[in-house]
Amino acid sequence: MSPIRRVLLALAVLAALAAAACGTPPDKELQQAQNAIDGARAAGADRFSPTEFAAAVDALNKARVAVADRDYRLALNHALDARERAQAATKEATDRKAAARRDAERAIAAAADALTDARTRLKSAEAAHAPTTELLSGRDAIADAEAGVQKTRTAFVAGDFAGATEAANRIAAKLRQISQSLDAAASAQATRRRAGPRKK
């Protein structure tokens, strides 16, 4: 927690001490904490800021235990802490989610570029009359990659940025290998053609 937030939390605690001293549970602060946690969960904090989110939930649970024990001052402290942590989790989750989205966009774009390149290499290999086995292997791999890229886009739309990034990186790496194999096959065939038939 930053120093500024600690100061704000301390001020909030002081402002609410009067209510706590009166012997009434901090219902308003408990509800604010719950709302902040619900908002954090909606922002994906349970996935993108799990440590801070868990701390917020834990603090709210402690606040409720304190209420049950009629320690309203302690309950207030925990409720305010829960709200503060939930708000921090929301901000952290928003930032991390945006970064994960950018990573996924770049990875999917790279996979799409690798797919385009592999198609070009396949055409060159076909024109060079590369061995049929190499051409069939390349076509199968490219077809699989096309389906895979589509799946990464579906995962992206669903918000699974980490899954989309991992799958797209794997597809791009496979396509680069296929492109190299097709190039090698086309080059070998061209060399054989230049060499001409072997003399007996």
Protein backbone atom coordinates (compact mmCIF):
# COMPACT_ATOMS: atom_id res chain seq x y z
CA MET A 1 0.00 0.00 0.00
CA SER A 2 1.40 3.42 -0.98
CA PRO A 3 2.16 6.07 1.72
CA ILE A 4 -0.59 8.33 0.37
CA ARG A 5 -3.13 5.54 0.60
CA ARG A 6 -2.02 4.76 4.11
CA VAL A 7 -2.60 8.38 5.09
CA LEU A 8 -6.04 8.37 3.46
CA LEU A 9 -6.90 5.13 5.20
CA ALA A 10 -5.80 6.57 8.54
CA LEU A 11 -7.94 9.67 7.99
CA ALA A 12 -10.93 7.52 7.09
CA VAL A 13 -10.42 5.48 10.24
CA LEU A 14 -10.28 8.63 12.37
CA ALA A 15 -13.38 10.03 10.70
CA ALA A 16 -15.32 6.88 11.49
CA LEU A 17 -14.10 6.40 15.06
CA ALA A 18 -17.01 8.32 16.46
CA ALA A 19 -19.49 5.88 14.96
CA ALA A 20 -17.46 2.93 16.15
CA ALA A 21 -17.18 4.38 19.63
CA CYS A 22 -20.95 4.56 19.81
CA GLY A 23 -21.04 0.78 19.75
CA THR A 24 -22.68 0.31 16.35
CA PRO A 25 -21.33 -1.98 13.65
CA PRO A 26 -19.80 -0.23 10.60
CA ASP A 27 -22.50 -1.40 8.22
CA LYS A 28 -21.85 1.32 5.66
CA GLU A 29 -18.12 0.55 5.49
CA LEU A 30 -18.79 -3.17 5.26
CA GLN A 31 -21.12 -2.62 2.32
CA GLN A 32 -18.60 -0.33 0.64
CA ALA A 33 -15.95 -2.99 1.04
CA GLN A 34 -18.24 -5.65 -0.40
CA ASN A 35 -19.10 -3.40 -3.36
CA ALA A 36 -15.40 -2.73 -3.98
CA ILE A 37 -14.66 -6.46 -3.92
CA ASP A 38 -17.54 -7.17 -6.30
CA GLY A 39 -16.20 -4.48 -8.63
CA ALA A 40 -12.69 -5.92 -8.41
CA ARG A 41 -13.97 -9.39 -9.27
CA ALA A 42 -15.87 -7.97 -12.25
CA ALA A 43 -12.63 -6.31 -13.40
CA GLY A 44 -10.87 -9.68 -13.33
CA ALA A 45 -8.84 -9.01 -10.18
CA ASP A 46 -9.20 -12.63 -9.06
CA ARG A 47 -7.15 -13.58 -12.16
CA PHE A 48 -4.99 -10.54 -12.86
CA SER A 49 -4.35 -9.38 -9.28
CA PRO A 50 -4.94 -12.50 -7.18
CA THR A 51 -2.74 -11.56 -4.20
CA GLU A 52 -4.29 -8.15 -3.59
CA PHE A 53 -7.78 -9.48 -4.30
CA ALA A 54 -7.36 -12.33 -1.82
CA ALA A 55 -6.09 -9.86 0.79
CA ALA A 56 -9.22 -7.74 0.28
CA VAL A 57 -11.51 -10.74 0.73
CA ASP A 58 -9.57 -11.82 3.81
CA ALA A 59 -9.82 -8.35 5.33
CA LEU A 60 -13.59 -8.29 4.80
CA ASN A 61 -13.94 -11.70 6.42
CA LYS A 62 -11.95 -10.44 9.42
CA ALA A 63 -14.24 -7.42 9.61
CA ARG A 64 -17.29 -9.66 9.79
CA VAL A 65 -15.70 -11.80 12.48
CA ALA A 66 -14.94 -8.65 14.46
CA VAL A 67 -18.57 -7.55 14.12
CA ALA A 68 -19.69 -10.91 15.45
CA ASP A 69 -17.31 -10.37 18.38
CA ARG A 70 -18.76 -6.87 18.86
CA ASP A 71 -15.33 -5.32 18.30
CA TYR A 72 -16.65 -2.59 16.04
CA ARG A 73 -13.48 -0.53 15.97
CA LEU A 74 -11.49 -3.52 14.69
CA ALA A 75 -14.30 -4.32 12.28
CA LEU A 76 -14.10 -0.78 10.92
CA ASN A 77 -10.34 -1.00 10.42
CA HIS A 78 -10.66 -4.29 8.53
CA ALA A 79 -13.58 -3.01 6.43
CA LEU A 80 -11.65 0.08 5.37
CA ASP A 81 -8.60 -2.04 4.63
CA ALA A 82 -10.72 -4.41 2.53
CA ARG A 83 -12.14 -1.53 0.50
CA GLU A 84 -8.68 -0.05 -0.06
CA ARG A 85 -7.19 -3.37 -1.12
CA ALA A 86 -10.10 -4.11 -3.44
CA GLN A 87 -9.67 -0.75 -5.14
CA ALA A 88 -5.93 -1.39 -5.52
CA ALA A 89 -6.68 -4.85 -6.95
CA THR A 90 -9.06 -3.31 -9.48
CA LYS A 91 -6.42 -0.87 -10.70
CA GLU A 92 -3.71 -3.53 -10.88
CA ALA A 93 -6.04 -5.92 -12.69
CA THR A 94 -7.03 -3.27 -15.20
CA ASP A 95 -3.38 -2.49 -15.97
CA ARG A 96 -2.36 -6.15 -16.23
CA LYS A 97 -5.38 -7.04 -18.33
CA ALA A 98 -4.55 -4.26 -20.79
CA ALA A 99 -0.95 -5.48 -21.02
CA ALA A 100 -2.10 -9.09 -21.55
CA ARG A 101 -4.46 -7.90 -24.28
CA ARG A 102 -1.62 -6.11 -26.08
CA ASP A 103 0.60 -9.20 -25.81
CA ALA A 104 -2.16 -11.36 -27.27
CA GLU A 105 -2.77 -8.95 -30.14
CA ARG A 106 0.93 -8.97 -31.04
CA ALA A 107 1.18 -12.76 -30.79
CA ILE A 108 -1.88 -13.34 -32.97
CA ALA A 109 -0.61 -10.84 -35.55
CA ALA A 110 2.77 -12.61 -35.60
CA ALA A 111 1.07 -15.98 -36.10
CA ALA A 112 -1.02 -14.55 -38.95
CA ASP A 113 2.14 -13.15 -40.59
CA ALA A 114 3.89 -16.51 -40.19
CA LEU A 115 0.88 -18.18 -41.80
CA THR A 116 1.01 -15.84 -44.79
CA ASP A 117 4.74 -16.44 -45.14
CA ALA A 118 4.29 -20.22 -44.95
CA ARG A 119 1.68 -20.09 -47.73
CA THR A 120 4.13 -18.15 -49.89
CA ARG A 121 6.92 -20.65 -49.20
CA LEU A 122 4.54 -23.51 -50.05
CA LYS A 123 3.75 -21.97 -53.44
CA SER A 124 7.46 -21.55 -54.12
CA ALA A 125 8.10 -25.16 -53.16
CA GLU A 126 5.26 -26.32 -55.43
CA ALA A 127 6.67 -24.28 -58.31
CA ALA A 128 10.09 -25.84 -57.69
CA HIS A 129 8.52 -29.33 -57.77
CA ALA A 130 9.75 -30.16 -54.28
CA PRO A 131 9.20 -33.74 -53.07
CA THR A 132 5.55 -34.67 -52.60
CA THR A 133 6.08 -35.69 -48.99
CA GLU A 134 7.40 -32.23 -48.13
CA LEU A 135 4.53 -30.54 -49.93
CA LEU A 136 1.90 -32.70 -48.22
CA SER A 137 3.48 -32.09 -44.83
CA GLY A 138 3.52 -28.35 -45.46
CA ARG A 139 -0.11 -28.28 -46.60
CA ASP A 140 -1.27 -30.24 -43.56
CA ALA A 141 0.68 -28.00 -41.16
CA ILE A 142 -0.67 -24.85 -42.79
CA ALA A 143 -4.24 -26.16 -42.61
CA ASP A 144 -3.76 -26.94 -38.91
CA ALA A 145 -2.29 -23.49 -38.35
CA GLU A 146 -5.23 -21.81 -40.07
CA ALA A 147 -7.63 -23.54 -37.68
CA GLY A 148 -5.33 -22.75 -34.76
CA VAL A 149 -5.15 -19.04 -35.56
CA GLN A 150 -8.95 -18.94 -35.69
CA LYS A 151 -9.09 -20.56 -32.26
CA THR A 152 -6.68 -17.98 -30.84
CA ARG A 153 -8.95 -15.22 -32.11
CA THR A 154 -11.93 -16.91 -30.46
CA ALA A 155 -9.98 -17.16 -27.18
CA PHE A 156 -9.03 -13.49 -27.50
CA VAL A 157 -12.64 -12.42 -27.92
CA ALA A 158 -13.54 -14.52 -24.87
CA GLY A 159 -10.92 -12.65 -22.83
CA ASP A 160 -8.47 -15.55 -22.50
CA PHE A 161 -5.48 -13.40 -23.42
CA ALA A 162 -2.88 -15.66 -21.83
CA GLY A 163 -4.23 -18.73 -23.62
CA ALA A 164 -4.42 -16.87 -26.93
CA THR A 165 -0.85 -15.63 -26.56
CA GLU A 166 0.56 -19.05 -25.70
CA ALA A 167 -1.27 -20.77 -28.58
CA ALA A 168 -0.35 -18.07 -31.10
CA ASN A 169 3.34 -18.23 -30.15
CA ARG A 170 3.31 -22.00 -30.52
CA ILE A 171 1.65 -21.76 -33.96
CA ALA A 172 4.09 -19.11 -35.18
CA ALA A 173 7.08 -21.23 -34.10
CA LYS A 174 5.68 -24.30 -35.90
CA LEU A 175 5.03 -22.31 -39.06
CA ARG A 176 8.57 -20.96 -39.09
CA GLN A 177 9.86 -24.54 -38.96
CA ILE A 178 7.56 -25.51 -41.83
CA SER A 179 8.72 -22.53 -43.89
CA GLN A 180 12.35 -23.52 -43.35
CA SER A 181 11.62 -27.10 -44.38
CA LEU A 182 9.80 -25.97 -47.53
CA ASP A 183 12.66 -23.63 -48.42
CA ALA A 184 15.18 -26.40 -47.91
CA ALA A 185 13.16 -28.82 -50.05
CA ALA A 186 12.73 -26.28 -52.85
CA SER A 187 16.42 -25.37 -52.75
CA ALA A 188 17.49 -29.02 -52.84
CA GLN A 189 15.23 -29.69 -55.81
CA ALA A 190 16.59 -26.66 -57.67
CA THR A 191 20.14 -27.88 -57.03
CA ARG A 192 19.29 -31.32 -58.40
CA ARG A 193 17.77 -29.77 -61.52
CA ARG A 194 20.85 -27.64 -62.16
CA ALA A 195 23.09 -30.66 -61.69
CA GLY A 196 21.13 -32.56 -64.35
CA PRO A 197 20.85 -36.30 -64.69
CA ARG A 198 23.70 -38.39 -63.34
CA LYS A 199 26.07 -39.91 -65.86
CA LYS A 200 26.20 -43.69 -65.97
